[in-house]
Amino acid sequence: MVVALDGTVLTVVQPALQRDLNASFTQVQWTSTGYLIAVASLLVFAGRLGDRYGHRRIFAVGTLGFALASAGTGLASDIGWVIALRVAQGVFGALLQPATLGMLRAAYPPDRIGLPIAVRTSAIGVAAAAGPVLGGALATELGWRSVFFLSLVPALVIGVLALLVRVPAPPREGPAPGLDLTGAGLLAVALACLVHTLVGASESGRPAATVLGGCGAALAAAVFIRHERRAASPLIPPLLIGSAAVGPALGILVAASAAMFGALFVGTYFLQDVLELNPLHSALRALPLAIMMIVSAPYAAVLLRRYGPRRTITAAMAVLALGVLVLSRLDQASGPVADGAGFLLVGAGFGTVMVAATAVVVRHAPVAEAGVAGGLQQTAMNVGPTLGIALATTLMTALAGHAPGTEPHRTDGAFLSAMAPTLATLAAVAALGAAAATRLPGRLTRPGDEDTGRLATEGTPSGRR
């Protein structure tokens, strides 16, 4: 919740930050891009550190470091320090996020993991709803620097408690997992190149940089896969990533977050540029999305246990795709009911998918690999939004162009003509996620659960243990 809140309030204060520090638009973009590259490239390795040294310890370091880096950003004297401290926040954010899922996996048995993940998802929804409002109010009354102190005290308290409160660790089966530093470096390079390429893909005048970035990501990924096949202690265990459930679930998370964040990106510009709403009123129009994320999360845990991953996630991805299609039909005459219905469907579908697919990833991971599983889940949740926004921006730029003499603003007609096919494409991305969901298991079980249960009841001739 602290991490999500920090990210949402930053977007609100970036214009004021730019004016106060006399920064360029590109420099301000790097306050977000630098953080995103740092966190996305380190998540899996941070999860492995938790598996080896303990998730509670890594979580405490990440939380305290994240809080101090946030406070430092609020005190920074120039844009260079802001970018550097945001990168530091990305490093600490990478440490703490997989650890949250690792601690949940260790604390709860597999058949009860859904509800804790639902609570976690609801907390993120609360932050998404409250962030723009709190950030706008603080920036208006106290200036942009105040938002970076918003989560300082809660994060410090949480970090100290994580160090002081002793929770019995589950017994480790076998030796501690090794640290594949070469694999971690290769994966970090691949993900950093991928994220940087996606962020800059829609910028004009950078085709060469985009091609080079994509080639660098592909080359690093190929070398990483070759290394992992030969490593004695691979960073990503083959049985985990090759699971019939984990692979599709990760792909579904990428598709769902790409569709949701891409649609939200386009929808926000529609509300502010076409309907000419101010930031507060546009945030209120989109509020059903955050509210449904909060509401749908606990119900997702119930649906998951009753209907299983395949039916639950397939239906939720269909709801998400329908919501994006509803948004694609909006125009100047659309009122709060029309856009609210679209955002409501998107939030309900995405909240359900996030809980259910995350539960599949975490549940199918052994406790000893829970950190890596959490890192993979968080990586998917960072790459997906970047992909969705890059796709939306590229399509809007290609289809709408710029109105003569008004660059970079477009006419309402040009924007609307581009918005419909762009959102239809994002709905197709969600539909691909629904197709992937048909490959998930019909019941929420782990590999071997059925055999384990059978052997437990057949341990004696009488069928008793």
Protein backbone atom coordinates (compact mmCIF):
# COMPACT_ATOMS: atom_id res chain seq x y z
CA MET A 1 0.00 0.00 0.00
CA VAL A 2 2.90 2.34 0.82
CA VAL A 3 4.53 1.65 -2.54
CA ALA A 4 1.29 2.11 -4.49
CA LEU A 5 0.51 5.35 -2.65
CA ASP A 6 3.96 6.74 -3.41
CA GLY A 7 3.56 6.01 -7.11
CA THR A 8 0.11 7.58 -7.45
CA VAL A 9 0.96 10.80 -5.64
CA LEU A 10 4.07 11.31 -7.80
CA THR A 11 2.01 11.61 -10.99
CA VAL A 12 -0.06 14.39 -9.40
CA VAL A 13 2.91 16.58 -8.43
CA GLN A 14 5.19 16.13 -11.45
CA PRO A 15 4.16 19.42 -13.15
CA ALA A 16 4.83 21.41 -9.96
CA LEU A 17 8.11 19.57 -9.42
CA GLN A 18 9.18 20.45 -12.96
CA ARG A 19 8.48 24.15 -12.47
CA ASP A 20 10.11 24.39 -9.05
CA LEU A 21 13.34 22.61 -10.03
CA ASN A 22 13.48 24.14 -13.53
CA ALA A 23 13.64 20.67 -15.05
CA SER A 24 12.96 19.52 -18.57
CA PHE A 25 10.06 17.24 -19.45
CA THR A 26 12.49 14.40 -20.20
CA GLN A 27 14.11 14.80 -16.78
CA VAL A 28 10.74 14.65 -15.06
CA GLN A 29 9.89 11.51 -17.04
CA TRP A 30 13.02 9.89 -15.63
CA THR A 31 11.68 10.30 -12.09
CA SER A 32 9.21 7.58 -13.10
CA THR A 33 11.29 5.71 -15.69
CA GLY A 34 14.35 5.38 -13.43
CA TYR A 35 12.24 3.92 -10.64
CA LEU A 36 10.46 1.53 -12.99
CA ILE A 37 13.68 0.20 -14.54
CA ALA A 38 15.30 -0.33 -11.13
CA VAL A 39 12.35 -2.15 -9.59
CA ALA A 40 11.51 -4.31 -12.63
CA SER A 41 15.09 -5.48 -13.17
CA LEU A 42 15.68 -6.56 -9.55
CA LEU A 43 12.40 -8.14 -8.42
CA VAL A 44 13.24 -11.78 -9.13
CA PHE A 45 16.73 -11.53 -7.59
CA ALA A 46 15.25 -9.77 -4.55
CA GLY A 47 12.82 -12.66 -4.18
CA ARG A 48 15.73 -15.11 -4.25
CA LEU A 49 17.48 -13.08 -1.53
CA GLY A 50 14.36 -13.51 0.61
CA ASP A 51 14.33 -17.25 -0.03
CA ARG A 52 17.95 -17.47 1.14
CA TYR A 53 18.18 -14.95 4.01
CA GLY A 54 14.55 -14.71 5.17
CA HIS A 55 11.69 -12.68 3.78
CA ARG A 56 11.07 -10.75 7.01
CA ARG A 57 14.63 -9.45 7.10
CA ILE A 58 14.64 -8.44 3.42
CA PHE A 59 11.20 -6.86 3.83
CA ALA A 60 12.42 -4.74 6.75
CA VAL A 61 15.48 -3.51 4.83
CA GLY A 62 13.35 -2.70 1.79
CA THR A 63 10.68 -0.86 3.77
CA LEU A 64 13.10 1.26 5.81
CA GLY A 65 15.20 2.07 2.74
CA PHE A 66 12.10 2.96 0.72
CA ALA A 67 10.93 5.35 3.45
CA LEU A 68 14.30 7.09 3.79
CA ALA A 69 14.71 7.43 0.00
CA SER A 70 11.21 8.94 -0.20
CA ALA A 71 12.04 11.49 2.48
CA GLY A 72 15.31 12.28 0.70
CA THR A 73 13.37 12.96 -2.50
CA GLY A 74 11.27 15.51 -0.62
CA LEU A 75 14.47 17.29 0.47
CA ALA A 76 16.30 17.11 -2.88
CA SER A 77 17.75 20.37 -4.14
CA ASP A 78 17.81 19.59 -7.88
CA ILE A 79 16.29 17.21 -10.41
CA GLY A 80 19.43 15.04 -10.54
CA TRP A 81 19.07 14.14 -6.87
CA VAL A 82 15.36 13.46 -7.36
CA ILE A 83 16.09 10.98 -10.18
CA ALA A 84 18.90 9.29 -8.20
CA LEU A 85 16.73 8.90 -5.10
CA ARG A 86 13.84 7.58 -7.16
CA VAL A 87 16.19 4.91 -8.56
CA ALA A 88 17.17 4.09 -4.95
CA GLN A 89 13.47 3.78 -4.13
CA GLY A 90 13.15 1.32 -6.99
CA VAL A 91 15.94 -0.82 -5.53
CA PHE A 92 14.34 -0.88 -2.07
CA GLY A 93 10.88 -1.35 -3.57
CA ALA A 94 12.20 -4.43 -5.38
CA LEU A 95 13.37 -5.82 -2.04
CA LEU A 96 10.11 -5.40 -0.17
CA GLN A 97 7.46 -6.36 -2.75
CA PRO A 98 8.30 -10.05 -3.38
CA ALA A 99 8.90 -10.45 0.36
CA THR A 100 5.24 -9.64 1.08
CA LEU A 101 4.09 -12.60 -1.02
CA GLY A 102 6.87 -14.79 0.36
CA MET A 103 5.76 -14.09 3.94
CA LEU A 104 2.13 -14.81 3.08
CA ARG A 105 3.08 -18.11 1.41
CA ALA A 106 5.05 -19.13 4.50
CA ALA A 107 2.34 -18.04 6.97
CA TYR A 108 -0.75 -19.58 5.34
CA PRO A 109 -1.43 -23.08 4.04
CA PRO A 110 -2.09 -23.28 0.29
CA ASP A 111 -5.86 -23.71 0.67
CA ARG A 112 -6.11 -20.44 2.65
CA ILE A 113 -3.79 -18.22 0.62
CA GLY A 114 -6.57 -16.61 -1.46
CA LEU A 115 -8.04 -14.35 1.22
CA PRO A 116 -4.69 -12.86 2.41
CA ILE A 117 -3.83 -12.06 -1.22
CA ALA A 118 -7.30 -10.50 -1.58
CA VAL A 119 -6.63 -8.24 1.42
CA ARG A 120 -3.31 -7.28 -0.14
CA THR A 121 -5.04 -6.41 -3.42
CA SER A 122 -7.72 -4.38 -1.62
CA ALA A 123 -4.99 -2.36 0.10
CA ILE A 124 -3.49 -1.53 -3.30
CA GLY A 125 -6.96 -0.46 -4.47
CA VAL A 126 -7.34 1.83 -1.46
CA ALA A 127 -3.99 3.43 -2.26
CA ALA A 128 -4.97 3.88 -5.91
CA ALA A 129 -8.19 5.60 -4.88
CA ALA A 130 -6.71 7.75 -2.12
CA GLY A 131 -3.38 8.66 -3.75
CA PRO A 132 -4.55 11.31 -6.27
CA VAL A 133 -6.86 12.95 -3.72
CA LEU A 134 -4.28 13.04 -0.90
CA GLY A 135 -1.50 14.05 -3.26
CA GLY A 136 -3.53 16.86 -4.78
CA ALA A 137 -4.61 18.20 -1.39
CA LEU A 138 -1.09 18.12 0.07
CA ALA A 139 0.51 19.64 -3.02
CA THR A 140 -2.06 22.43 -3.06
CA GLU A 141 -1.68 23.34 0.61
CA LEU A 142 1.95 22.45 1.42
CA GLY A 143 3.76 22.09 -1.91
CA TRP A 144 4.96 19.13 -3.94
CA ARG A 145 7.69 18.12 -1.47
CA SER A 146 5.12 17.25 1.20
CA VAL A 147 3.79 14.20 -0.67
CA PHE A 148 7.10 12.38 -0.28
CA PHE A 149 6.74 12.50 3.51
CA LEU A 150 3.20 11.08 3.39
CA SER A 151 4.21 7.46 3.97
CA LEU A 152 7.38 8.10 5.99
CA VAL A 153 6.03 7.39 9.47
CA PRO A 154 3.91 4.32 8.53
CA ALA A 155 6.81 2.80 6.59
CA LEU A 156 9.28 3.39 9.43
CA VAL A 157 6.90 1.82 11.94
CA ILE A 158 6.29 -1.20 9.70
CA GLY A 159 10.01 -1.66 9.04
CA VAL A 160 10.93 -1.50 12.73
CA LEU A 161 8.14 -3.93 13.67
CA ALA A 162 9.36 -6.35 11.01
CA LEU A 163 12.79 -6.32 12.68
CA LEU A 164 11.54 -6.61 16.26
CA VAL A 165 8.61 -9.02 16.02
CA ARG A 166 9.84 -12.59 15.92
CA VAL A 167 7.78 -14.99 13.84
CA PRO A 168 8.86 -18.65 13.74
CA ALA A 169 10.24 -19.42 10.31
CA PRO A 170 9.05 -22.58 8.56
CA PRO A 171 11.65 -25.38 8.60
CA ARG A 172 13.87 -25.32 5.54
CA GLU A 173 13.87 -28.48 3.44
CA GLY A 174 17.40 -29.01 2.17
CA PRO A 175 20.20 -26.46 1.86
CA ALA A 176 19.60 -22.76 1.31
CA PRO A 177 19.20 -21.86 -2.39
CA GLY A 178 22.31 -20.52 -4.07
CA LEU A 179 22.66 -17.02 -5.48
CA ASP A 180 22.96 -17.11 -9.25
CA LEU A 181 24.66 -13.72 -9.64
CA THR A 182 25.38 -14.19 -13.34
CA GLY A 183 21.77 -15.10 -14.04
CA ALA A 184 20.55 -12.19 -11.92
CA GLY A 185 22.74 -9.78 -13.89
CA LEU A 186 21.59 -11.11 -17.26
CA LEU A 187 17.92 -10.98 -16.26
CA ALA A 188 18.36 -7.45 -14.91
CA VAL A 189 19.90 -6.30 -18.20
CA ALA A 190 17.13 -7.97 -20.23
CA LEU A 191 14.34 -6.44 -18.16
CA ALA A 192 16.00 -3.01 -17.97
CA CYS A 193 16.38 -2.91 -21.77
CA LEU A 194 12.79 -4.11 -22.23
CA VAL A 195 11.28 -1.53 -19.89
CA HIS A 196 13.40 1.31 -21.29
CA THR A 197 12.42 0.31 -24.84
CA LEU A 198 8.71 0.17 -23.98
CA VAL A 199 8.80 3.53 -22.20
CA GLY A 200 10.52 5.24 -25.14
CA ALA A 201 8.79 3.34 -27.95
CA SER A 202 6.15 6.02 -28.52
CA GLU A 203 8.59 8.94 -28.57
CA SER A 204 9.20 10.39 -32.01
CA GLY A 205 12.72 10.61 -33.40
CA ARG A 206 14.02 7.55 -31.54
CA PRO A 207 13.58 4.58 -33.89
CA ALA A 208 17.25 3.58 -33.70
CA ALA A 209 17.26 3.65 -29.89
CA THR A 210 14.07 1.60 -29.81
CA VAL A 211 15.47 -1.04 -32.15
CA LEU A 212 18.76 -1.22 -30.24
CA GLY A 213 16.93 -1.50 -26.92
CA GLY A 214 14.73 -4.30 -28.22
CA CYS A 215 17.71 -6.16 -29.66
CA GLY A 216 19.59 -5.75 -26.37
CA ALA A 217 16.65 -7.16 -24.42
CA ALA A 218 16.30 -10.12 -26.79
CA LEU A 219 20.04 -10.89 -26.72
CA ALA A 220 20.28 -10.67 -22.92
CA ALA A 221 17.18 -12.86 -22.57
CA ALA A 222 18.62 -15.50 -24.91
CA VAL A 223 21.92 -15.57 -23.01
CA PHE A 224 20.00 -15.73 -19.71
CA ILE A 225 17.96 -18.74 -20.84
CA ARG A 226 21.10 -20.53 -22.05
CA HIS A 227 22.85 -19.80 -18.75
CA GLU A 228 19.90 -20.97 -16.65
CA ARG A 229 19.82 -24.34 -18.41
CA ARG A 230 23.43 -24.96 -17.37
CA ALA A 231 23.49 -23.32 -13.94
CA ALA A 232 23.87 -25.57 -10.91
CA SER A 233 21.53 -23.33 -8.89
CA PRO A 234 19.44 -21.37 -11.42
CA LEU A 235 17.82 -18.09 -10.45
CA ILE A 236 14.41 -19.30 -11.68
CA PRO A 237 13.82 -23.01 -10.94
CA PRO A 238 12.77 -24.83 -14.14
CA LEU A 239 9.96 -26.67 -12.34
CA LEU A 240 8.46 -23.33 -11.27
CA ILE A 241 8.51 -21.44 -14.55
CA GLY A 242 7.68 -24.63 -16.48
CA SER A 243 4.60 -25.33 -14.38
CA ALA A 244 1.40 -25.81 -16.33
CA ALA A 245 -0.23 -23.21 -14.08
CA VAL A 246 2.49 -20.62 -13.28
CA GLY A 247 3.46 -19.77 -16.88
CA PRO A 248 -0.10 -19.03 -18.08
CA ALA A 249 -0.90 -17.15 -14.84
CA LEU A 250 2.07 -14.83 -15.36
CA GLY A 251 1.01 -14.21 -18.97
CA ILE A 252 -2.52 -13.44 -17.78
CA LEU A 253 -1.22 -10.88 -15.27
CA VAL A 254 0.75 -9.16 -18.04
CA ALA A 255 -2.29 -9.07 -20.35
CA ALA A 256 -4.71 -7.90 -17.65
CA SER A 257 -2.46 -5.10 -16.35
CA ALA A 258 -1.61 -3.99 -19.90
CA ALA A 259 -5.30 -3.73 -20.82
CA MET A 260 -6.30 -2.00 -17.58
CA PHE A 261 -3.49 0.57 -17.40
CA GLY A 262 -3.61 1.28 -21.12
CA ALA A 263 -7.37 1.90 -20.92
CA LEU A 264 -6.97 4.08 -17.82
CA PHE A 265 -4.26 6.10 -19.58
CA VAL A 266 -6.48 6.78 -22.61
CA GLY A 267 -9.57 7.31 -20.45
CA THR A 268 -7.84 9.93 -18.32
CA TYR A 269 -6.90 11.97 -21.39
CA PHE A 270 -10.47 11.60 -22.68
CA LEU A 271 -11.91 12.97 -19.44
CA GLN A 272 -9.49 15.90 -19.22
CA ASP A 273 -8.94 16.86 -22.88
CA VAL A 274 -12.27 15.96 -24.53
CA LEU A 275 -14.73 16.45 -21.67
CA GLU A 276 -12.49 19.22 -20.21
CA LEU A 277 -12.78 18.03 -16.62
CA ASN A 278 -10.23 19.15 -14.05
CA PRO A 279 -7.93 16.52 -12.46
CA LEU A 280 -10.13 16.14 -9.37
CA HIS A 281 -13.37 15.67 -11.31
CA SER A 282 -11.72 13.26 -13.75
CA ALA A 283 -10.35 11.25 -10.80
CA LEU A 284 -13.88 11.07 -9.37
CA ARG A 285 -15.24 9.82 -12.72
CA ALA A 286 -12.64 7.02 -12.70
CA LEU A 287 -13.18 6.22 -9.01
CA PRO A 288 -15.45 3.18 -9.73
CA LEU A 289 -12.36 1.38 -11.01
CA ALA A 290 -10.50 1.67 -7.70
CA ILE A 291 -13.64 0.97 -5.67
CA MET A 292 -14.33 -2.24 -7.59
CA MET A 293 -10.75 -3.37 -7.09
CA ILE A 294 -11.34 -3.09 -3.36
CA VAL A 295 -14.76 -4.74 -3.45
CA SER A 296 -13.98 -7.53 -5.93
CA ALA A 297 -10.80 -8.76 -4.22
CA PRO A 298 -12.43 -10.66 -1.31
CA TYR A 299 -15.12 -12.05 -3.60
CA ALA A 300 -12.38 -13.28 -5.94
CA ALA A 301 -11.02 -15.50 -3.16
CA VAL A 302 -14.49 -17.04 -2.70
CA LEU A 303 -14.99 -17.56 -6.44
CA LEU A 304 -11.55 -19.10 -6.72
CA ARG A 305 -12.32 -21.75 -4.13
CA ARG A 306 -15.80 -22.46 -5.50
CA TYR A 307 -15.20 -22.47 -9.24
CA GLY A 308 -11.44 -22.91 -9.59
CA PRO A 309 -8.85 -20.81 -11.46
CA ARG A 310 -9.91 -21.64 -15.01
CA ARG A 311 -13.53 -20.50 -14.83
CA THR A 312 -12.90 -17.63 -12.40
CA ILE A 313 -10.07 -16.02 -14.38
CA THR A 314 -11.62 -16.64 -17.81
CA ALA A 315 -14.84 -14.91 -16.72
CA ALA A 316 -12.96 -12.05 -15.05
CA MET A 317 -10.84 -11.42 -18.17
CA ALA A 318 -14.04 -11.35 -20.22
CA VAL A 319 -15.49 -8.71 -17.84
CA LEU A 320 -12.28 -6.69 -18.16
CA ALA A 321 -12.42 -6.85 -21.96
CA LEU A 322 -16.10 -5.81 -21.91
CA GLY A 323 -15.28 -2.82 -19.70
CA VAL A 324 -12.57 -1.65 -22.10
CA LEU A 325 -15.02 -1.98 -25.01
CA VAL A 326 -17.60 0.11 -23.12
CA LEU A 327 -14.98 2.84 -22.69
CA SER A 328 -14.22 2.69 -26.43
CA ARG A 329 -17.82 3.79 -27.16
CA LEU A 330 -17.60 7.06 -25.20
CA ASP A 331 -17.94 10.46 -26.90
CA GLN A 332 -18.56 14.13 -26.03
CA ALA A 333 -22.15 13.36 -25.00
CA SER A 334 -21.15 10.65 -22.52
CA GLY A 335 -22.10 11.29 -18.92
CA PRO A 336 -20.96 9.90 -15.57
CA VAL A 337 -23.13 6.79 -15.93
CA ALA A 338 -21.55 5.71 -19.22
CA ASP A 339 -17.91 6.17 -18.29
CA GLY A 340 -18.58 5.02 -14.72
CA ALA A 341 -19.98 1.72 -16.05
CA GLY A 342 -16.87 1.16 -18.14
CA PHE A 343 -14.49 1.88 -15.29
CA LEU A 344 -16.60 -0.28 -12.94
CA LEU A 345 -16.34 -3.30 -15.24
CA VAL A 346 -12.62 -2.78 -15.74
CA GLY A 347 -12.03 -2.57 -11.98
CA ALA A 348 -14.17 -5.63 -11.22
CA GLY A 349 -12.43 -7.74 -13.85
CA PHE A 350 -8.92 -6.59 -13.02
CA GLY A 351 -9.33 -6.93 -9.25
CA THR A 352 -10.58 -10.49 -9.61
CA VAL A 353 -7.83 -11.47 -12.05
CA MET A 354 -5.11 -9.97 -9.88
CA VAL A 355 -6.19 -11.97 -6.81
CA ALA A 356 -6.88 -15.24 -8.63
CA ALA A 357 -3.80 -15.28 -10.88
CA THR A 358 -1.50 -14.22 -8.02
CA ALA A 359 -2.94 -17.01 -5.87
CA VAL A 360 -2.19 -19.51 -8.64
CA VAL A 361 1.44 -18.34 -8.91
CA VAL A 362 2.08 -18.30 -5.16
CA ARG A 363 0.15 -21.50 -4.41
CA HIS A 364 2.07 -23.54 -6.98
CA ALA A 365 5.43 -22.42 -5.59
CA PRO A 366 7.12 -24.39 -2.80
CA VAL A 367 7.77 -22.36 0.35
CA ALA A 368 11.50 -22.42 -0.46
CA GLU A 369 10.81 -20.75 -3.83
CA ALA A 370 8.08 -18.35 -2.67
CA GLY A 371 10.32 -15.30 -3.03
CA VAL A 372 11.17 -16.07 -6.65
CA ALA A 373 7.46 -16.69 -7.35
CA GLY A 374 6.63 -13.34 -5.77
CA GLY A 375 9.34 -11.67 -7.84
CA LEU A 376 7.95 -13.14 -11.05
CA GLN A 377 4.45 -11.98 -10.13
CA GLN A 378 5.66 -8.46 -9.39
CA THR A 379 7.72 -8.39 -12.60
CA ALA A 380 4.60 -9.25 -14.60
CA MET A 381 2.73 -6.48 -12.79
CA ASN A 382 5.45 -3.97 -13.75
CA VAL A 383 5.98 -5.03 -17.36
CA GLY A 384 2.24 -5.23 -18.13
CA PRO A 385 1.36 -1.58 -17.38
CA THR A 386 4.46 -0.38 -19.24
CA LEU A 387 3.45 -2.46 -22.26
CA GLY A 388 -0.17 -1.27 -22.13
CA ILE A 389 0.69 2.42 -21.91
CA ALA A 390 3.32 2.11 -24.65
CA LEU A 391 0.81 0.35 -26.92
CA ALA A 392 -1.90 2.93 -26.20
CA THR A 393 0.44 5.88 -26.78
CA THR A 394 1.81 4.44 -30.02
CA LEU A 395 -1.65 3.74 -31.44
CA MET A 396 -3.06 7.11 -30.40
CA THR A 397 -0.11 8.92 -31.96
CA ALA A 398 -0.29 6.93 -35.18
CA LEU A 399 -4.08 7.16 -35.58
CA ALA A 400 -4.80 10.67 -34.32
CA GLY A 401 -1.74 12.67 -35.26
CA HIS A 402 -1.65 16.32 -34.22
CA ALA A 403 -3.98 19.16 -35.09
CA PRO A 404 -2.17 21.83 -37.13
CA GLY A 405 -0.77 24.60 -34.97
CA THR A 406 -1.86 23.00 -31.71
CA GLU A 407 0.84 20.39 -31.09
CA PRO A 408 0.91 18.39 -28.90
CA HIS A 409 -2.88 18.71 -28.42
CA ARG A 410 -5.27 16.96 -30.77
CA THR A 411 -8.74 17.96 -31.86
CA ASP A 412 -11.61 16.18 -30.12
CA GLY A 413 -12.66 14.47 -33.35
CA ALA A 414 -9.15 13.18 -34.05
CA PHE A 415 -8.80 11.94 -30.48
CA LEU A 416 -12.13 10.10 -30.55
CA SER A 417 -11.41 8.55 -33.95
CA ALA A 418 -8.18 7.11 -32.52
CA MET A 419 -9.59 6.21 -29.11
CA ALA A 420 -12.07 3.58 -30.33
CA PRO A 421 -9.57 1.36 -32.22
CA THR A 422 -6.93 1.85 -29.53
CA LEU A 423 -9.23 0.64 -26.77
CA ALA A 424 -10.53 -2.15 -29.01
CA THR A 425 -6.93 -3.33 -29.38
CA LEU A 426 -6.48 -3.28 -25.60
CA ALA A 427 -9.72 -5.27 -25.25
CA ALA A 428 -8.21 -7.82 -27.65
CA VAL A 429 -5.18 -8.05 -25.34
CA ALA A 430 -7.56 -8.88 -22.48
CA ALA A 431 -9.26 -11.47 -24.70
CA LEU A 432 -5.87 -13.12 -25.27
CA GLY A 433 -5.53 -13.34 -21.51
CA ALA A 434 -8.93 -15.02 -21.34
CA ALA A 435 -7.76 -17.56 -23.91
CA ALA A 436 -4.64 -18.24 -21.83
CA ALA A 437 -6.87 -18.78 -18.78
CA THR A 438 -8.42 -21.82 -20.43
CA ARG A 439 -5.06 -23.57 -19.90
CA LEU A 440 -5.23 -23.17 -16.13
CA PRO A 441 -6.22 -26.07 -13.87
CA GLY A 442 -9.90 -26.49 -13.24
CA ARG A 443 -9.40 -26.81 -9.48
CA LEU A 444 -7.14 -24.92 -7.11
CA THR A 445 -4.67 -27.69 -6.37
CA ARG A 446 -0.92 -27.98 -6.39
CA PRO A 447 0.94 -30.62 -8.35
CA GLY A 448 0.87 -33.78 -6.27
CA ASP A 449 -1.92 -32.67 -3.93
CA GLU A 450 -4.22 -35.44 -5.09
CA ASP A 451 -1.53 -38.10 -4.60
CA THR A 452 -0.58 -36.69 -1.23
CA GLY A 453 -4.17 -36.78 -0.04
CA ARG A 454 -4.65 -40.32 -1.34
CA LEU A 455 -1.50 -41.59 0.38
CA ALA A 456 -2.48 -39.88 3.63
CA THR A 457 -5.77 -41.78 3.76
CA GLU A 458 -4.29 -45.03 2.50
CA GLY A 459 -1.37 -45.16 4.90
CA THR A 460 -2.84 -48.26 6.59
CA PRO A 461 -4.94 -51.11 5.28
CA SER A 462 -7.91 -49.68 7.15
CA GLY A 463 -7.53 -46.34 5.37
CA ARG A 464 -6.50 -44.50 8.54
CA ARG A 465 -3.24 -42.63 9.18
